[in-house]
Amino acid sequence: MHTDHTDHDIPEGMRPDAAASWPPRELIDSFLGNFDFELRPGEGTGLGVDDEEAQAAARKFRDVLGRYCSGVTVVTAISGGEPVGMTCQSFASVSLSPPLVTFLPSKTSRAWPMIQRAGSFCVNFLAANQAAVSNQFASRGADKYAGVDWSPAPGTGSPLLAGTVGYVDCTIHAVHPAGDHYIVVGKVVDLGFDEGGATDPLLYYQGQYRTAT
């Protein structure tokens, strides 16, 4: 477990015990694969084992969970003075009082260590016409923000993408390791949506984008 952070290294808003799960710097440079999406039916499992039974069980896990329709979000932050972000399906609300949400980045994600070190993040709920934005932030491209219009979110200054269905702006409340992912709990400091803007969300089901209509 990586625990060599001192108290003054802990970003504002993050619980001190979350530091125990901070990934080492090597994770930023050790990304495996070209896409951050989770639960793509039929894909290789990435287990790193030759056991056919284990591989088949992992594929079935992905294929079954792929039947759960989810929204698509882009989680953003400002890290080292630069905007960073990642496409993420695994997002959910946790608590109303206090207002908490969660998302689950893979331990192999390049963006997550930078988001975590920022100490805050904004979850952007993508609209039905933003599949290209989702693909751009899910890729390994050098500039994920190329051609993307954004402004600082009111609470933390994390990138708020234009044209989204809604957003929640958060500080990191806690981080817990869970298998090959982290469970990230964020405390909501601001949230909103554009009442005159996009209303239909971008959905993801069985490895494909879907819309509500």
C-alpha atoms as a PDB file:
ATOM      1  CA  MET A   1       0.000   0.000   0.000  1.00  0.00           C
ATOM      2  CA  HIS A   2       1.343   3.398  -0.952  1.00  0.00           C
ATOM      3  CA  THR A   3       1.389   5.506   2.236  1.00  0.00           C
ATOM      4  CA  ASP A   4       4.350   7.865   1.890  1.00  0.00           C
ATOM      5  CA  HIS A   5       2.235  11.032   1.731  1.00  0.00           C
ATOM      6  CA  THR A   6       2.459  13.547   4.562  1.00  0.00           C
ATOM      7  CA  ASP A   7      -0.448  15.576   5.926  1.00  0.00           C
ATOM      8  CA  HIS A   8       0.496  18.682   3.945  1.00  0.00           C
ATOM      9  CA  ASP A   9       0.225  16.675   0.700  1.00  0.00           C
ATOM     10  CA  ILE A  10      -3.462  15.927   1.252  1.00  0.00           C
ATOM     11  CA  PRO A  11      -5.650  18.075  -1.033  1.00  0.00           C
ATOM     12  CA  GLU A  12      -8.255  20.223   0.686  1.00  0.00           C
ATOM     13  CA  GLY A  13     -11.549  18.412   1.124  1.00  0.00           C
ATOM     14  CA  MET A  14     -10.070  14.888   1.170  1.00  0.00           C
ATOM     15  CA  ARG A  15     -10.232  12.752   4.266  1.00  0.00           C
ATOM     16  CA  PRO A  16      -6.732  11.974   5.638  1.00  0.00           C
ATOM     17  CA  ASP A  17      -7.355   8.216   5.569  1.00  0.00           C
ATOM     18  CA  ALA A  18      -7.978   8.384   1.816  1.00  0.00           C
ATOM     19  CA  ALA A  19      -4.249   9.003   1.348  1.00  0.00           C
ATOM     20  CA  ALA A  20      -3.558   5.357   2.146  1.00  0.00           C
ATOM     21  CA  SER A  21      -5.045   4.357  -1.199  1.00  0.00           C
ATOM     22  CA  TRP A  22      -3.365   6.986  -3.345  1.00  0.00           C
ATOM     23  CA  PRO A  23      -1.856   5.190  -6.338  1.00  0.00           C
ATOM     24  CA  PRO A  24       1.892   5.557  -6.901  1.00  0.00           C
ATOM     25  CA  ARG A  25       3.202   7.857  -9.598  1.00  0.00           C
ATOM     26  CA  GLU A  26       4.048   4.842 -11.781  1.00  0.00           C
ATOM     27  CA  LEU A  27       0.339   4.305 -12.469  1.00  0.00           C
ATOM     28  CA  ILE A  28       0.227   7.486 -14.518  1.00  0.00           C
ATOM     29  CA  ASP A  29       2.715   5.941 -16.957  1.00  0.00           C
ATOM     30  CA  SER A  30       1.524   2.340 -16.832  1.00  0.00           C
ATOM     31  CA  PHE A  31      -1.812   2.501 -18.659  1.00  0.00           C
ATOM     32  CA  LEU A  32      -2.854  -0.842 -20.115  1.00  0.00           C
ATOM     33  CA  GLY A  33      -4.942  -0.533 -23.265  1.00  0.00           C
ATOM     34  CA  ASN A  34      -6.413   2.381 -25.187  1.00  0.00           C
ATOM     35  CA  PHE A  35      -9.916   2.748 -23.789  1.00  0.00           C
ATOM     36  CA  ASP A  36     -11.226   3.535 -20.289  1.00  0.00           C
ATOM     37  CA  PHE A  37     -14.749   2.156 -20.789  1.00  0.00           C
ATOM     38  CA  GLU A  38     -15.820  -0.623 -18.432  1.00  0.00           C
ATOM     39  CA  LEU A  39     -17.913  -3.741 -19.092  1.00  0.00           C
ATOM     40  CA  ARG A  40     -17.662  -3.993 -22.866  1.00  0.00           C
ATOM     41  CA  PRO A  41     -19.381  -7.292 -23.760  1.00  0.00           C
ATOM     42  CA  GLY A  42     -17.144  -9.867 -25.419  1.00  0.00           C
ATOM     43  CA  GLU A  43     -13.858  -8.058 -24.786  1.00  0.00           C
ATOM     44  CA  GLY A  44     -10.791  -9.705 -23.314  1.00  0.00           C
ATOM     45  CA  THR A  45     -10.825  -9.684 -19.556  1.00  0.00           C
ATOM     46  CA  GLY A  46      -7.331  -8.436 -18.845  1.00  0.00           C
ATOM     47  CA  LEU A  47      -6.972 -10.914 -15.987  1.00  0.00           C
ATOM     48  CA  GLY A  48      -3.438 -11.830 -16.972  1.00  0.00           C
ATOM     49  CA  VAL A  49      -4.069 -15.563 -16.483  1.00  0.00           C
ATOM     50  CA  ASP A  50      -4.311 -18.497 -18.902  1.00  0.00           C
ATOM     51  CA  ASP A  51      -7.071 -20.283 -16.989  1.00  0.00           C
ATOM     52  CA  GLU A  52      -9.864 -20.666 -19.568  1.00  0.00           C
ATOM     53  CA  GLU A  53     -12.499 -21.165 -16.859  1.00  0.00           C
ATOM     54  CA  ALA A  54     -11.484 -17.933 -15.116  1.00  0.00           C
ATOM     55  CA  GLN A  55     -11.474 -16.067 -18.425  1.00  0.00           C
ATOM     56  CA  ALA A  56     -14.920 -17.406 -19.294  1.00  0.00           C
ATOM     57  CA  ALA A  57     -16.292 -16.393 -15.890  1.00  0.00           C
ATOM     58  CA  ALA A  58     -14.885 -12.885 -16.285  1.00  0.00           C
ATOM     59  CA  ARG A  59     -16.357 -12.558 -19.775  1.00  0.00           C
ATOM     60  CA  LYS A  60     -19.765 -13.693 -18.460  1.00  0.00           C
ATOM     61  CA  PHE A  61     -19.516 -11.109 -15.677  1.00  0.00           C
ATOM     62  CA  ARG A  62     -18.918  -8.378 -18.246  1.00  0.00           C
ATOM     63  CA  ASP A  63     -21.598  -9.630 -20.610  1.00  0.00           C
ATOM     64  CA  VAL A  64     -24.266  -9.831 -17.897  1.00  0.00           C
ATOM     65  CA  LEU A  65     -23.389  -6.445 -16.366  1.00  0.00           C
ATOM     66  CA  GLY A  66     -23.419  -5.016 -19.882  1.00  0.00           C
ATOM     67  CA  ARG A  67     -27.199  -5.599 -19.850  1.00  0.00           C
ATOM     68  CA  TYR A  68     -27.502  -2.838 -17.264  1.00  0.00           C
ATOM     69  CA  CYS A  69     -28.182   0.410 -19.105  1.00  0.00           C
ATOM     70  CA  SER A  70     -26.179   3.332 -17.729  1.00  0.00           C
ATOM     71  CA  GLY A  71     -25.653   6.963 -18.434  1.00  0.00           C
ATOM     72  CA  VAL A  72     -22.302   8.200 -19.703  1.00  0.00           C
ATOM     73  CA  THR A  73     -20.275  10.812 -17.853  1.00  0.00           C
ATOM     74  CA  VAL A  74     -16.966  12.588 -18.226  1.00  0.00           C
ATOM     75  CA  VAL A  75     -15.129  13.160 -14.945  1.00  0.00           C
ATOM     76  CA  THR A  76     -12.867  16.206 -15.118  1.00  0.00           C
ATOM     77  CA  ALA A  77     -10.335  18.040 -12.959  1.00  0.00           C
ATOM     78  CA  ILE A  78      -7.540  20.580 -13.082  1.00  0.00           C
ATOM     79  CA  SER A  79      -4.278  18.864 -12.183  1.00  0.00           C
ATOM     80  CA  GLY A  80      -0.906  20.576 -12.334  1.00  0.00           C
ATOM     81  CA  GLY A  81      -2.569  23.558 -13.954  1.00  0.00           C
ATOM     82  CA  GLU A  82      -3.858  21.456 -16.868  1.00  0.00           C
ATOM     83  CA  PRO A  83      -7.342  20.059 -17.556  1.00  0.00           C
ATOM     84  CA  VAL A  84      -7.620  16.262 -17.346  1.00  0.00           C
ATOM     85  CA  GLY A  85     -10.580  13.945 -17.733  1.00  0.00           C
ATOM     86  CA  MET A  86     -11.924  10.470 -18.322  1.00  0.00           C
ATOM     87  CA  THR A  87     -15.109   8.862 -19.630  1.00  0.00           C
ATOM     88  CA  CYS A  88     -16.887   6.906 -16.913  1.00  0.00           C
ATOM     89  CA  GLN A  89     -20.075   4.831 -16.809  1.00  0.00           C
ATOM     90  CA  SER A  90     -19.792   3.723 -13.199  1.00  0.00           C
ATOM     91  CA  PHE A  91     -21.330   6.748 -11.489  1.00  0.00           C
ATOM     92  CA  ALA A  92     -24.103   6.857  -8.868  1.00  0.00           C
ATOM     93  CA  SER A  93     -25.553   8.936  -6.072  1.00  0.00           C
ATOM     94  CA  VAL A  94     -24.734   7.787  -2.536  1.00  0.00           C
ATOM     95  CA  SER A  95     -26.238  10.090   0.058  1.00  0.00           C
ATOM     96  CA  LEU A  96     -28.593  13.058   0.288  1.00  0.00           C
ATOM     97  CA  SER A  97     -27.374  14.293   3.673  1.00  0.00           C
ATOM     98  CA  PRO A  98     -24.522  14.949   3.304  1.00  0.00           C
ATOM     99  CA  PRO A  99     -24.698  15.057  -0.503  1.00  0.00           C
ATOM    100  CA  LEU A 100     -22.333  12.341  -1.727  1.00  0.00           C
ATOM    101  CA  VAL A 101     -21.788  10.661  -5.095  1.00  0.00           C
ATOM    102  CA  THR A 102     -19.443   7.939  -6.296  1.00  0.00           C
ATOM    103  CA  PHE A 103     -17.602   6.828  -9.412  1.00  0.00           C
ATOM    104  CA  LEU A 104     -15.310   3.837  -9.943  1.00  0.00           C
ATOM    105  CA  PRO A 105     -12.135   4.380 -11.983  1.00  0.00           C
ATOM    106  CA  SER A 106      -9.996   1.440 -13.016  1.00  0.00           C
ATOM    107  CA  LYS A 107      -6.644   1.077 -11.279  1.00  0.00           C
ATOM    108  CA  THR A 108      -5.039   1.152 -14.737  1.00  0.00           C
ATOM    109  CA  SER A 109      -6.582   4.508 -15.655  1.00  0.00           C
ATOM    110  CA  ARG A 110      -4.059   7.199 -16.587  1.00  0.00           C
ATOM    111  CA  ALA A 111      -6.410  10.047 -15.730  1.00  0.00           C
ATOM    112  CA  TRP A 112      -7.490   8.915 -12.268  1.00  0.00           C
ATOM    113  CA  PRO A 113      -4.181   9.465 -10.402  1.00  0.00           C
ATOM    114  CA  MET A 114      -4.097  13.040 -11.715  1.00  0.00           C
ATOM    115  CA  ILE A 115      -7.740  13.615 -10.774  1.00  0.00           C
ATOM    116  CA  GLN A 116      -7.110  12.253  -7.302  1.00  0.00           C
ATOM    117  CA  ARG A 117      -4.110  14.473  -6.738  1.00  0.00           C
ATOM    118  CA  ALA A 118      -6.271  17.451  -7.718  1.00  0.00           C
ATOM    119  CA  GLY A 119      -8.492  16.682  -4.727  1.00  0.00           C
ATOM    120  CA  SER A 120     -11.670  17.618  -6.600  1.00  0.00           C
ATOM    121  CA  PHE A 121     -13.588  16.711  -9.738  1.00  0.00           C
ATOM    122  CA  CYS A 122     -16.662  17.520 -11.810  1.00  0.00           C
ATOM    123  CA  VAL A 123     -18.941  14.813 -13.195  1.00  0.00           C
ATOM    124  CA  ASN A 124     -20.428  15.929 -16.523  1.00  0.00           C
ATOM    125  CA  PHE A 125     -23.579  14.060 -17.628  1.00  0.00           C
ATOM    126  CA  LEU A 126     -23.298  13.731 -21.407  1.00  0.00           C
ATOM    127  CA  ALA A 127     -26.174  14.548 -23.729  1.00  0.00           C
ATOM    128  CA  ALA A 128     -27.451  12.277 -26.494  1.00  0.00           C
ATOM    129  CA  ASN A 129     -25.466  14.184 -29.138  1.00  0.00           C
ATOM    130  CA  GLN A 130     -22.135  13.914 -27.287  1.00  0.00           C
ATOM    131  CA  ALA A 131     -20.978  10.408 -28.237  1.00  0.00           C
ATOM    132  CA  ALA A 132     -17.938  11.970 -29.925  1.00  0.00           C
ATOM    133  CA  VAL A 133     -17.032  13.726 -26.671  1.00  0.00           C
ATOM    134  CA  SER A 134     -17.337  10.417 -24.830  1.00  0.00           C
ATOM    135  CA  ASN A 135     -15.030   8.701 -27.337  1.00  0.00           C
ATOM    136  CA  GLN A 136     -12.504  11.515 -27.160  1.00  0.00           C
ATOM    137  CA  PHE A 137     -12.216  11.378 -23.374  1.00  0.00           C
ATOM    138  CA  ALA A 138     -12.160   7.559 -23.386  1.00  0.00           C
ATOM    139  CA  SER A 139      -9.253   7.390 -25.806  1.00  0.00           C
ATOM    140  CA  ARG A 140      -5.553   7.636 -25.123  1.00  0.00           C
ATOM    141  CA  GLY A 141      -5.326  10.799 -27.219  1.00  0.00           C
ATOM    142  CA  ALA A 142      -2.759  13.382 -26.167  1.00  0.00           C
ATOM    143  CA  ASP A 143      -5.256  16.269 -26.063  1.00  0.00           C
ATOM    144  CA  LYS A 144      -8.655  15.159 -24.834  1.00  0.00           C
ATOM    145  CA  TYR A 145      -9.873  18.756 -24.737  1.00  0.00           C
ATOM    146  CA  ALA A 146      -9.174  19.536 -28.406  1.00  0.00           C
ATOM    147  CA  GLY A 147     -12.250  21.276 -29.790  1.00  0.00           C
ATOM    148  CA  VAL A 148     -14.169  20.851 -26.510  1.00  0.00           C
ATOM    149  CA  ASP A 149     -15.776  23.984 -25.072  1.00  0.00           C
ATOM    150  CA  TRP A 150     -15.599  24.203 -21.282  1.00  0.00           C
ATOM    151  CA  SER A 151     -15.614  26.647 -18.400  1.00  0.00           C
ATOM    152  CA  PRO A 152     -14.534  26.381 -14.727  1.00  0.00           C
ATOM    153  CA  ALA A 153     -17.196  24.796 -12.533  1.00  0.00           C
ATOM    154  CA  PRO A 154     -18.443  27.216  -9.856  1.00  0.00           C
ATOM    155  CA  GLY A 155     -17.381  25.154  -6.854  1.00  0.00           C
ATOM    156  CA  THR A 156     -13.926  23.746  -7.589  1.00  0.00           C
ATOM    157  CA  GLY A 157     -12.910  25.186 -10.949  1.00  0.00           C
ATOM    158  CA  SER A 158     -12.879  21.727 -12.540  1.00  0.00           C
ATOM    159  CA  PRO A 159     -13.824  21.744 -16.245  1.00  0.00           C
ATOM    160  CA  LEU A 160     -17.551  22.015 -16.851  1.00  0.00           C
ATOM    161  CA  LEU A 161     -18.194  20.815 -20.404  1.00  0.00           C
ATOM    162  CA  ALA A 162     -20.603  22.743 -22.605  1.00  0.00           C
ATOM    163  CA  GLY A 163     -23.819  21.103 -23.813  1.00  0.00           C
ATOM    164  CA  THR A 164     -24.171  18.509 -21.069  1.00  0.00           C
ATOM    165  CA  VAL A 165     -27.407  17.355 -19.433  1.00  0.00           C
ATOM    166  CA  GLY A 166     -26.153  18.289 -15.963  1.00  0.00           C
ATOM    167  CA  TYR A 167     -23.183  18.199 -13.627  1.00  0.00           C
ATOM    168  CA  VAL A 168     -22.071  17.656 -10.035  1.00  0.00           C
ATOM    169  CA  ASP A 169     -18.960  19.424  -8.761  1.00  0.00           C
ATOM    170  CA  CYS A 170     -17.213  17.672  -5.887  1.00  0.00           C
ATOM    171  CA  THR A 171     -14.290  17.472  -3.527  1.00  0.00           C
ATOM    172  CA  ILE A 172     -12.878  14.006  -2.890  1.00  0.00           C
ATOM    173  CA  HIS A 173     -14.330  12.686   0.362  1.00  0.00           C
ATOM    174  CA  ALA A 174     -12.833   9.176   0.451  1.00  0.00           C
ATOM    175  CA  VAL A 175     -11.143   6.584  -1.757  1.00  0.00           C
ATOM    176  CA  HIS A 176     -11.376   2.834  -1.177  1.00  0.00           C
ATOM    177  CA  PRO A 177      -9.597   0.083  -3.161  1.00  0.00           C
ATOM    178  CA  ALA A 178     -12.000  -2.535  -4.532  1.00  0.00           C
ATOM    179  CA  GLY A 179     -10.515  -5.295  -6.673  1.00  0.00           C
ATOM    180  CA  ASP A 180      -9.172  -3.807  -9.902  1.00  0.00           C
ATOM    181  CA  HIS A 181     -10.960  -0.468  -9.297  1.00  0.00           C
ATOM    182  CA  TYR A 182     -11.191   2.319  -6.740  1.00  0.00           C
ATOM    183  CA  ILE A 183     -14.444   3.439  -5.136  1.00  0.00           C
ATOM    184  CA  VAL A 184     -14.258   7.227  -5.130  1.00  0.00           C
ATOM    185  CA  VAL A 185     -16.723   9.092  -2.918  1.00  0.00           C
ATOM    186  CA  GLY A 186     -17.167  12.770  -3.679  1.00  0.00           C
ATOM    187  CA  LYS A 187     -18.806  15.444  -1.523  1.00  0.00           C
ATOM    188  CA  VAL A 188     -20.982  17.654  -3.729  1.00  0.00           C
ATOM    189  CA  VAL A 189     -20.220  21.362  -3.420  1.00  0.00           C
ATOM    190  CA  ASP A 190     -22.203  22.537  -6.450  1.00  0.00           C
ATOM    191  CA  LEU A 191     -24.515  21.025  -9.058  1.00  0.00           C
ATOM    192  CA  GLY A 192     -26.905  22.066 -11.756  1.00  0.00           C
ATOM    193  CA  PHE A 193     -28.307  21.763 -15.252  1.00  0.00           C
ATOM    194  CA  ASP A 194     -29.264  24.097 -18.072  1.00  0.00           C
ATOM    195  CA  GLU A 195     -33.057  24.249 -18.103  1.00  0.00           C
ATOM    196  CA  GLY A 196     -33.053  25.526 -21.670  1.00  0.00           C
ATOM    197  CA  GLY A 197     -30.371  23.150 -22.901  1.00  0.00           C
ATOM    198  CA  ALA A 198     -30.005  19.443 -23.615  1.00  0.00           C
ATOM    199  CA  THR A 199     -32.563  17.142 -22.005  1.00  0.00           C
ATOM    200  CA  ASP A 200     -31.908  13.703 -23.514  1.00  0.00           C
ATOM    201  CA  PRO A 201     -28.958  11.776 -22.012  1.00  0.00           C
ATOM    202  CA  LEU A 202     -26.360   9.641 -23.722  1.00  0.00           C
ATOM    203  CA  LEU A 203     -26.858   6.010 -22.689  1.00  0.00           C
ATOM    204  CA  TYR A 204     -24.692   2.903 -22.936  1.00  0.00           C
ATOM    205  CA  TYR A 205     -26.055  -0.630 -23.270  1.00  0.00           C
ATOM    206  CA  GLN A 206     -24.492  -3.911 -24.459  1.00  0.00           C
ATOM    207  CA  GLY A 207     -21.370  -2.187 -25.729  1.00  0.00           C
ATOM    208  CA  GLN A 208     -23.184   0.468 -27.753  1.00  0.00           C
ATOM    209  CA  TYR A 209     -24.380   4.020 -27.315  1.00  0.00           C
ATOM    210  CA  ARG A 210     -28.137   4.423 -27.025  1.00  0.00           C
ATOM    211  CA  THR A 211     -30.514   7.342 -26.615  1.00  0.00           C
ATOM    212  CA  ALA A 212     -33.757   7.746 -24.712  1.00  0.00           C
ATOM    213  CA  THR A 213     -35.772   8.155 -27.921  1.00  0.00           C
END
